[in-house]
Structures are given as C-alpha cells and as structure tokens.
Amino acid sequence: MTAPRRRMTPASGLAAWLAAMACAAPALAQTGTSGPASEARTTVEAQSARMQQARNQAASCAVCHGPDGRAPADSPVPGLAGRAQADLVEMMLDYKNGKRPGTVMPQIAKGYSDTEIIAIASWFADQK
C-alpha cells in the first residue's frame, strides 16, 4: 500500500526550501579564518551551539508534547520526536501564518522566527 501523495502548495514549497537550507547551513557556514582545521572546528562548535539553543527552545514544548517530544501514549497531543523536519516546519509555519487552526499553537508559533522554527524542527526530527 502506498502513502497518499501530498499536494504541493506554496507554503509546503517554502517549508521544503527552508528545511533544505537548514540542512545545508552548517556546510555553508565557513569562517574563512586560519585554514581548514580551524574552519571545521569553528563550524562544528557553531553547529553544536545552535543545536543546544534549539534544544533549549524545544524544552518549552515538553509541557504539552512530552519530554523530548515524546508524548504519553494516551495523550491527545501528538508526539514530535522523530517526525520529519519538513513536516514540522510546514505545520509550524501554517500555525504561524494562520493557515492551520489551533487553540494554543498559533500563538506559540508566532513567538518564533522562521530560523528558530527550522532549528527546533531539526532537533525534534533527530530525537528517535
């Protein structure tokens, strides 16, 4: 059985582009200081700092979505851990832009920049 195909919308195209850029950002973040080893170390350190910040921002989601995005089995709120980054980005942007209804999530999403949404979605996607 194959999964139903999702219709591409301008918002989903934007979400896919943002997700692709988030994945490419570490490779594009070169410092240009003193050689390849220094650049690699700085890039790894910068990426680690960004992931730490995303983890800290994602911690506030634990109130509803469970620790590290793992909601309890009987929870009506979905878990976020291990979900595809592009899907999480698309959902958050839809909440943020008023395209997806919700009680609390539209207001929460408006509090994050697009870059923060990408980073948080990446962090949740890495939680297996």
Foldseek 3Di string as FASTA:
>chain_A
DDDDDDDDDPLLVVLVVLLVCLVCVLVVDFDPDDDDVVRVVVSVVVVVVLLVVLQVVCCVVCVQQNVLQPRPPPHPDHGQAQDDLSVQLSVLVCLCVVNDDDDCSSVVSVVDDSNSSSSNSVSRNPGD
